[in-house]
Amino acid sequence: MQEAEIAVVGGGIVGLAFAYAHAKRGRKVVLFERTDFAIGASVRNFGSLWPIGKALGKPHDRAMLSREIWNEIIAQTNLWHAASGSLHLAYADDELAVLDEYLTSLGSDKFGRALISPDAAAEKSHAIVAPGLRGALWSPTEMNIDPREAVRKIPEMLRDKFGVTLCFGTQVLDVSLPKISTSLGDWRVQEAVVCSGADFQTLYPALFREGGMTLCKLQMMRTVPQPNGWALGPTLCAGLTLGHYECFKNCATLKPLLARFEREMPFYIEHGIHLLLTQTALGELTIGDSHHYGSTIEPFDRADVDEAILRYLKTFAQAPTFEIAEHWNGTYPKLPGKTEFIASPAPGVTIANGLGGAGMTLSFGLAEQVVSDAY
């Protein structure tokens, strides 16, 4: 029987974050992932670190800590990244009112965020549709990486720099410490961290059922590479995004804005559509997304949802081409009313799940805090 101090179950971004937090403290870690590389929510996203979307206090602090740790990771892996910030674009007075109220709520420490004029926004990104723009919220804290590259390079760094044992293509069948049973034999470990993402029913189904975990399905797209080195600049979003992120939830001005969206854009509200536009290292534009919730998710993508996403996108963003090269859906676990699901179903076992679609933004900060508190 092989041995390690810590077993991490799941090679997605949450599992990689916990493996890193333990390994950099000198612990002997083994990482299990049932597929040859992570193919779940960790690669089906924008690759955007999005601190601005988190509510002030613990969630925002965790996002900023996570951003610091991502910079450590980037330095050790040479990951492509673009610390290009973000622009929330306002094309109506009620949208601008929400942005103004949010900025006021930040108090004295605004993290470099500011309301800027249409002309100033256009200087930051030539992708903006200028006619009708009333203003924008600029934030420098957002960063883009390529999630598909990250889930390949980070395990290699964990192995080469910290001696983490990688067991990809290995299904964990049972966790009964000190033994972990897998499809390729048993291991003896002192502790286990289970980060199984959307597959939360496999090892501890009763616990997750009692915890109220649900699933969210999103639809996304990616364009062909933009020609001639065309660069998007900051991540772009617009009015619909104000109804999606928790940072705006306490704004009194949000309620009338949402009422207008209900009247004017019922299809978008029904399907949980809001828009982010990011760019990859190869110049492709990543576009999305929609949100459908349930305990069982339909596997079928809807063409009318994709069409609505592209239709709204073109009201605030322009590019040389929006020719779509890829369509996909992703599924992530979500715990209503909470930013994560942390549980200890048995001595020495920690479950970390339910980051609600914010895994890229929160995982490294969460892992650092959980591991630091434990030791």
Protein backbone atom coordinates (compact mmCIF):
# COMPACT_ATOMS: atom_id res chain seq x y z
CA MET A 1 0.00 0.00 0.00
CA GLN A 2 1.38 3.39 -1.02
CA GLU A 3 1.41 6.22 1.50
CA ALA A 4 1.05 9.99 1.68
CA GLU A 5 0.10 12.54 4.31
CA ILE A 6 -2.65 14.26 2.34
CA ALA A 7 -4.89 12.89 -0.40
CA VAL A 8 -6.73 15.38 -2.60
CA VAL A 9 -9.63 13.98 -4.61
CA GLY A 10 -10.29 16.03 -7.73
CA GLY A 11 -7.89 17.63 -10.20
CA GLY A 12 -10.01 20.69 -10.96
CA ILE A 13 -9.11 24.14 -9.74
CA VAL A 14 -10.41 23.57 -6.19
CA GLY A 15 -8.40 20.37 -5.82
CA LEU A 16 -5.30 22.00 -7.26
CA ALA A 17 -5.67 24.87 -4.80
CA PHE A 18 -5.81 22.53 -1.80
CA ALA A 19 -2.92 20.46 -3.13
CA TYR A 20 -0.86 23.65 -3.46
CA ALA A 21 -1.79 24.94 0.01
CA HIS A 22 -0.69 21.66 1.63
CA ALA A 23 2.34 21.00 -0.57
CA LYS A 24 3.92 24.41 -0.05
CA ARG A 25 3.83 23.68 3.69
CA GLY A 26 6.05 20.66 3.06
CA ARG A 27 3.42 17.95 3.30
CA LYS A 28 3.48 14.82 1.14
CA VAL A 29 0.46 15.06 -1.16
CA VAL A 30 -1.17 12.67 -3.61
CA LEU A 31 -3.69 14.07 -6.08
CA PHE A 32 -6.38 11.86 -7.64
CA GLU A 33 -8.38 12.77 -10.75
CA ARG A 34 -10.61 10.26 -12.47
CA THR A 35 -10.00 11.63 -15.99
CA ASP A 36 -6.68 12.11 -17.75
CA PHE A 37 -7.00 15.86 -17.11
CA ALA A 38 -9.74 18.00 -15.61
CA ILE A 39 -12.68 18.47 -17.99
CA GLY A 40 -15.37 19.87 -15.69
CA ALA A 41 -16.28 23.41 -14.68
CA SER A 42 -12.58 24.27 -14.26
CA VAL A 43 -12.12 24.42 -18.04
CA ARG A 44 -15.63 25.51 -19.04
CA ASN A 45 -15.42 29.10 -17.88
CA PHE A 46 -14.08 32.53 -18.83
CA GLY A 47 -10.74 32.08 -17.10
CA SER A 48 -11.54 35.31 -15.31
CA LEU A 49 -10.50 36.19 -11.77
CA TRP A 50 -13.42 38.40 -10.82
CA PRO A 51 -12.97 40.00 -7.38
CA ILE A 52 -15.33 42.83 -8.26
CA GLY A 53 -18.25 40.42 -8.31
CA LYS A 54 -17.86 39.39 -4.66
CA ALA A 55 -19.64 41.11 -1.79
CA LEU A 56 -17.51 43.30 0.45
CA GLY A 57 -16.09 41.60 3.52
CA LYS A 58 -15.04 37.97 3.68
CA PRO A 59 -15.94 37.01 0.07
CA HIS A 60 -14.11 39.99 -1.45
CA ASP A 61 -11.13 39.59 0.89
CA ARG A 62 -10.89 35.93 -0.12
CA ALA A 63 -11.01 36.85 -3.80
CA MET A 64 -8.17 39.36 -3.36
CA LEU A 65 -6.12 36.79 -1.42
CA SER A 66 -6.75 34.30 -4.19
CA ARG A 67 -5.51 36.86 -6.71
CA GLU A 68 -2.26 37.19 -4.76
CA ILE A 69 -1.79 33.43 -4.80
CA TRP A 70 -2.55 33.26 -8.51
CA ASN A 71 0.36 35.64 -9.00
CA GLU A 72 2.55 33.14 -7.10
CA ILE A 73 1.28 30.36 -9.38
CA ILE A 74 1.86 32.41 -12.51
CA ALA A 75 5.45 33.11 -11.46
CA GLN A 76 6.10 29.37 -10.96
CA THR A 77 4.36 28.09 -14.09
CA ASN A 78 4.75 30.86 -16.67
CA LEU A 79 0.99 30.77 -17.25
CA TRP A 80 -0.35 33.23 -19.77
CA HIS A 81 -2.28 35.97 -18.01
CA ALA A 82 -3.70 39.41 -18.70
CA ALA A 83 -4.19 41.74 -15.74
CA SER A 84 -6.36 43.97 -17.89
CA GLY A 85 -9.14 44.82 -15.42
CA SER A 86 -12.82 45.16 -16.28
CA LEU A 87 -15.40 47.66 -17.50
CA HIS A 88 -19.08 47.59 -16.51
CA LEU A 89 -20.77 49.60 -19.25
CA ALA A 90 -23.94 51.61 -18.59
CA TYR A 91 -26.28 52.56 -21.43
CA ALA A 92 -29.17 53.79 -19.26
CA ASP A 93 -29.50 56.12 -16.29
CA ASP A 94 -30.79 53.33 -14.01
CA GLU A 95 -27.70 51.23 -14.81
CA LEU A 96 -25.42 54.16 -14.08
CA ALA A 97 -27.25 54.73 -10.78
CA VAL A 98 -26.47 51.18 -9.62
CA LEU A 99 -22.79 51.60 -10.49
CA ASP A 100 -22.66 54.92 -8.63
CA GLU A 101 -24.34 53.45 -5.54
CA TYR A 102 -22.00 50.45 -5.58
CA LEU A 103 -18.94 52.68 -5.79
CA THR A 104 -20.21 54.78 -2.87
CA SER A 105 -20.74 51.61 -0.81
CA LEU A 106 -17.02 50.82 -1.06
CA GLY A 107 -16.20 53.69 1.29
CA SER A 108 -12.66 55.03 1.38
CA ASP A 109 -10.93 51.96 -0.09
CA LYS A 110 -12.25 51.64 -3.62
CA PHE A 111 -9.55 49.17 -4.83
CA GLY A 112 -8.77 51.49 -7.73
CA ARG A 113 -12.34 51.36 -9.01
CA ALA A 114 -13.94 54.49 -10.43
CA LEU A 115 -16.78 55.76 -12.58
CA ILE A 116 -15.37 57.04 -15.84
CA SER A 117 -16.78 58.93 -18.80
CA PRO A 118 -17.71 57.34 -22.14
CA ASP A 119 -14.61 58.88 -23.71
CA ALA A 120 -12.35 57.50 -20.95
CA ALA A 121 -13.94 54.06 -21.36
CA ALA A 122 -13.36 54.16 -25.12
CA GLU A 123 -9.68 54.91 -24.48
CA LYS A 124 -9.40 51.70 -22.44
CA SER A 125 -11.12 49.52 -25.06
CA HIS A 126 -11.85 50.13 -28.73
CA ALA A 127 -14.25 47.17 -28.56
CA ILE A 128 -16.92 49.27 -26.83
CA VAL A 129 -20.04 50.30 -28.75
CA ALA A 130 -19.84 54.06 -28.15
CA PRO A 131 -23.28 55.36 -29.21
CA GLY A 132 -25.58 55.63 -26.19
CA LEU A 133 -22.92 54.90 -23.58
CA ARG A 134 -23.58 56.96 -20.41
CA GLY A 135 -20.50 55.92 -18.43
CA ALA A 136 -18.64 52.91 -17.07
CA LEU A 137 -17.26 51.43 -13.87
CA TRP A 138 -13.53 50.78 -14.29
CA SER A 139 -11.88 48.19 -12.05
CA PRO A 140 -8.19 47.18 -12.22
CA THR A 141 -8.50 44.05 -10.05
CA GLU A 142 -9.73 41.55 -12.65
CA MET A 143 -7.34 39.19 -14.40
CA ASN A 144 -7.65 36.67 -17.22
CA ILE A 145 -5.88 33.35 -17.50
CA ASP A 146 -6.50 30.40 -19.80
CA PRO A 147 -8.24 27.74 -17.65
CA ARG A 148 -7.44 25.02 -20.16
CA GLU A 149 -3.74 25.80 -19.83
CA ALA A 150 -3.93 26.23 -16.05
CA VAL A 151 -5.34 22.77 -15.28
CA ARG A 152 -2.50 21.21 -17.31
CA LYS A 153 0.44 23.30 -16.07
CA ILE A 154 -0.39 23.60 -12.37
CA PRO A 155 -0.27 19.81 -11.75
CA GLU A 156 3.12 19.68 -13.46
CA MET A 157 4.39 22.45 -11.18
CA LEU A 158 3.01 20.66 -8.11
CA ARG A 159 4.84 17.50 -9.14
CA ASP A 160 8.13 19.08 -10.19
CA LYS A 161 8.48 21.74 -7.48
CA PHE A 162 6.74 20.16 -4.49
CA GLY A 163 6.88 16.42 -5.18
CA VAL A 164 3.11 15.93 -5.38
CA THR A 165 2.19 12.47 -6.69
CA LEU A 166 -0.24 12.79 -9.60
CA CYS A 167 -2.75 9.99 -10.14
CA PHE A 168 -4.75 11.04 -13.17
CA GLY A 169 -7.10 8.54 -14.78
CA THR A 170 -7.73 7.14 -11.29
CA GLN A 171 -11.20 6.81 -9.78
CA VAL A 172 -11.51 7.12 -5.99
CA LEU A 173 -13.96 4.43 -4.89
CA ASP A 174 -14.05 4.87 -1.11
CA VAL A 175 -12.58 7.12 1.57
CA SER A 176 -12.29 5.30 4.90
CA LEU A 177 -9.22 6.75 6.56
CA PRO A 178 -6.49 5.83 6.82
CA LYS A 179 -7.31 3.91 3.62
CA ILE A 180 -8.38 5.34 0.30
CA SER A 181 -9.51 2.78 -2.25
CA THR A 182 -8.98 3.64 -5.91
CA SER A 183 -9.31 1.96 -9.28
CA LEU A 184 -5.51 1.54 -9.29
CA GLY A 185 -5.03 0.26 -5.75
CA ASP A 186 -5.20 1.44 -2.15
CA TRP A 187 -3.40 4.26 -0.40
CA ARG A 188 -2.76 4.95 3.26
CA VAL A 189 -3.11 8.64 4.18
CA GLN A 190 -3.54 10.79 7.27
CA GLU A 191 -6.05 13.24 5.79
CA ALA A 192 -8.20 13.61 2.69
CA VAL A 193 -9.70 16.62 0.94
CA VAL A 194 -12.59 15.80 -1.41
CA CYS A 195 -13.04 18.39 -4.18
CA SER A 196 -15.26 16.54 -6.61
CA GLY A 197 -17.10 19.48 -8.17
CA ALA A 198 -20.38 18.75 -9.93
CA ASP A 199 -19.98 15.04 -9.18
CA PHE A 200 -20.86 15.62 -5.53
CA GLN A 201 -23.21 12.63 -5.31
CA THR A 202 -20.61 9.87 -5.70
CA LEU A 203 -18.79 9.61 -2.36
CA TYR A 204 -21.13 11.38 0.08
CA PRO A 205 -24.59 11.57 -1.53
CA ALA A 206 -26.60 11.87 1.71
CA LEU A 207 -24.44 14.69 3.03
CA PHE A 208 -24.80 16.76 -0.12
CA ARG A 209 -28.53 16.08 -0.33
CA GLU A 210 -29.02 17.29 3.24
CA GLY A 211 -26.84 20.34 2.55
CA GLY A 212 -29.15 21.57 -0.22
CA MET A 213 -26.56 21.52 -3.00
CA THR A 214 -27.90 22.12 -6.50
CA LEU A 215 -26.42 22.24 -9.99
CA CYS A 216 -26.17 25.14 -12.41
CA LYS A 217 -25.77 24.65 -16.15
CA LEU A 218 -24.35 27.42 -18.32
CA GLN A 219 -23.96 27.84 -22.09
CA MET A 220 -20.89 29.51 -23.55
CA MET A 221 -19.15 30.16 -26.87
CA ARG A 222 -15.74 31.03 -28.21
CA THR A 223 -14.86 32.79 -31.46
CA VAL A 224 -12.09 32.09 -33.91
CA PRO A 225 -8.89 34.08 -33.18
CA GLN A 226 -9.28 37.77 -33.94
CA PRO A 227 -7.19 38.87 -36.94
CA ASN A 228 -4.07 41.02 -36.97
CA GLY A 229 -3.43 40.87 -33.23
CA TRP A 230 -6.65 42.72 -32.36
CA ALA A 231 -6.87 43.01 -28.57
CA LEU A 232 -10.03 43.33 -26.49
CA GLY A 233 -8.39 44.98 -23.49
CA PRO A 234 -10.44 44.87 -20.25
CA THR A 235 -13.17 42.28 -19.76
CA LEU A 236 -16.45 43.86 -20.84
CA CYS A 237 -19.93 43.53 -19.38
CA ALA A 238 -23.10 45.63 -19.32
CA GLY A 239 -26.43 46.17 -17.57
CA LEU A 240 -27.61 42.57 -17.30
CA THR A 241 -24.52 41.73 -15.26
CA LEU A 242 -25.66 44.08 -12.50
CA GLY A 243 -28.43 41.65 -11.62
CA HIS A 244 -26.11 38.66 -11.46
CA TYR A 245 -23.29 39.40 -9.02
CA GLU A 246 -23.68 39.64 -5.27
CA CYS A 247 -21.69 42.87 -5.03
CA PHE A 248 -24.72 44.78 -6.33
CA LYS A 249 -27.42 42.95 -4.35
CA ASN A 250 -27.69 45.55 -1.57
CA CYS A 251 -28.00 48.52 -3.91
CA ALA A 252 -31.44 50.13 -3.52
CA THR A 253 -31.23 51.25 -7.15
CA LEU A 254 -31.02 47.64 -8.33
CA LYS A 255 -34.69 46.81 -7.72
CA PRO A 256 -36.17 49.22 -10.30
CA LEU A 257 -33.48 48.19 -12.79
CA LEU A 258 -34.42 44.52 -12.41
CA ALA A 259 -38.10 45.44 -12.78
CA ARG A 260 -37.27 47.10 -16.10
CA PHE A 261 -35.38 44.04 -17.27
CA GLU A 262 -38.38 41.86 -16.33
CA ARG A 263 -40.61 44.03 -18.52
CA GLU A 264 -38.27 44.55 -21.44
CA MET A 265 -36.10 41.40 -21.48
CA PRO A 266 -38.15 38.53 -19.99
CA PHE A 267 -36.35 35.86 -22.03
CA TYR A 268 -33.00 36.96 -20.61
CA ILE A 269 -34.29 36.88 -17.03
CA GLU A 270 -35.97 33.48 -17.54
CA HIS A 271 -32.72 31.92 -18.71
CA GLY A 272 -30.41 33.74 -16.30
CA ILE A 273 -28.47 35.39 -19.10
CA HIS A 274 -25.82 37.99 -18.40
CA LEU A 275 -22.79 38.79 -20.50
CA LEU A 276 -19.03 38.76 -20.03
CA LEU A 277 -16.58 39.09 -22.89
CA THR A 278 -12.97 37.99 -22.38
CA GLN A 279 -10.05 37.11 -24.64
CA THR A 280 -7.60 34.21 -24.68
CA ALA A 281 -3.88 34.13 -25.39
CA LEU A 282 -4.65 33.07 -28.97
CA GLY A 283 -6.94 36.05 -29.50
CA GLU A 284 -10.22 34.13 -29.29
CA LEU A 285 -13.16 35.83 -27.58
CA THR A 286 -14.98 33.88 -24.87
CA ILE A 287 -18.67 34.77 -24.63
CA GLY A 288 -21.38 33.85 -22.14
CA ASP A 289 -23.36 32.90 -20.25
CA SER A 290 -26.77 31.54 -19.18
CA HIS A 291 -27.85 29.88 -15.91
CA HIS A 292 -30.28 26.99 -15.43
CA TYR A 293 -30.63 25.32 -12.02
CA GLY A 294 -31.78 21.91 -10.83
CA SER A 295 -30.78 18.65 -9.20
CA THR A 296 -30.60 17.01 -12.65
CA ILE A 297 -29.44 19.03 -15.63
CA GLU A 298 -30.67 18.58 -19.19
CA PRO A 299 -27.71 17.87 -21.49
CA PHE A 300 -29.25 19.70 -24.45
CA ASP A 301 -28.09 23.19 -25.40
CA ARG A 302 -30.61 25.74 -26.69
CA ALA A 303 -29.87 27.63 -29.88
CA ASP A 304 -32.22 30.45 -28.90
CA VAL A 305 -30.20 31.04 -25.72
CA ASP A 306 -26.96 31.31 -27.70
CA GLU A 307 -28.66 33.65 -30.19
CA ALA A 308 -29.93 35.87 -27.36
CA ILE A 309 -26.44 36.00 -25.83
CA LEU A 310 -24.91 37.14 -29.13
CA ARG A 311 -27.72 39.62 -29.74
CA TYR A 312 -27.19 41.36 -26.41
CA LEU A 313 -23.40 41.20 -26.74
CA LYS A 314 -23.55 43.24 -29.93
CA THR A 315 -25.37 46.06 -28.15
CA PHE A 316 -22.21 46.92 -26.19
CA ALA A 317 -19.23 45.21 -27.86
CA GLN A 318 -17.74 45.09 -31.34
CA ALA A 319 -14.90 43.05 -32.80
CA PRO A 320 -13.45 42.22 -36.22
CA THR A 321 -15.31 38.90 -36.13
CA PHE A 322 -17.84 37.11 -33.97
CA GLU A 323 -17.52 33.90 -35.97
CA ILE A 324 -18.10 31.12 -33.44
CA ALA A 325 -15.61 28.26 -33.35
CA GLU A 326 -16.90 26.45 -30.23
CA HIS A 327 -20.15 26.01 -28.31
CA TRP A 328 -20.23 24.22 -24.96
CA ASN A 329 -22.05 23.86 -21.70
CA GLY A 330 -20.69 23.54 -18.19
CA THR A 331 -22.14 22.44 -14.88
CA TYR A 332 -21.07 23.59 -11.45
CA PRO A 333 -22.39 22.98 -7.91
CA LYS A 334 -24.02 25.79 -5.99
CA LEU A 335 -25.23 26.16 -2.41
CA PRO A 336 -27.91 28.88 -2.28
CA GLY A 337 -27.04 31.65 0.14
CA LYS A 338 -23.44 30.53 0.71
CA THR A 339 -20.15 31.03 -1.10
CA GLU A 340 -18.86 27.48 -0.46
CA PHE A 341 -19.66 24.11 1.07
CA ILE A 342 -17.11 22.95 3.65
CA ALA A 343 -17.86 19.84 5.70
CA SER A 344 -16.08 17.14 7.68
CA PRO A 345 -18.05 13.89 7.32
CA ALA A 346 -15.42 11.89 9.20
CA PRO A 347 -12.25 12.59 11.21
CA GLY A 348 -9.49 13.76 8.90
CA VAL A 349 -11.80 14.22 5.90
CA THR A 350 -12.66 17.65 4.51
CA ILE A 351 -15.12 18.30 1.69
CA ALA A 352 -14.63 21.52 -0.27
CA ASN A 353 -17.27 22.24 -2.87
CA GLY A 354 -20.08 24.53 -3.96
CA LEU A 355 -18.12 27.65 -4.94
CA GLY A 356 -21.03 28.62 -7.16
CA GLY A 357 -19.21 29.26 -10.40
CA ALA A 358 -16.47 31.33 -8.75
CA GLY A 359 -13.83 28.63 -8.55
CA MET A 360 -11.20 30.57 -10.49
CA THR A 361 -11.81 33.61 -8.29
CA LEU A 362 -12.03 31.97 -4.85
CA SER A 363 -10.35 28.56 -4.79
CA PHE A 364 -6.78 29.50 -3.91
CA GLY A 365 -7.91 31.94 -1.22
CA LEU A 366 -10.34 29.41 0.25
CA ALA A 367 -7.74 26.65 0.33
CA GLU A 368 -5.15 28.91 1.94
CA GLN A 369 -7.59 29.97 4.66
CA VAL A 370 -8.87 26.46 5.40
CA VAL A 371 -5.38 24.92 5.55
CA SER A 372 -3.94 27.84 7.51
CA ASP A 373 -6.74 27.58 10.10
CA ALA A 374 -6.14 23.85 10.45
CA TYR A 375 -2.40 24.19 11.09
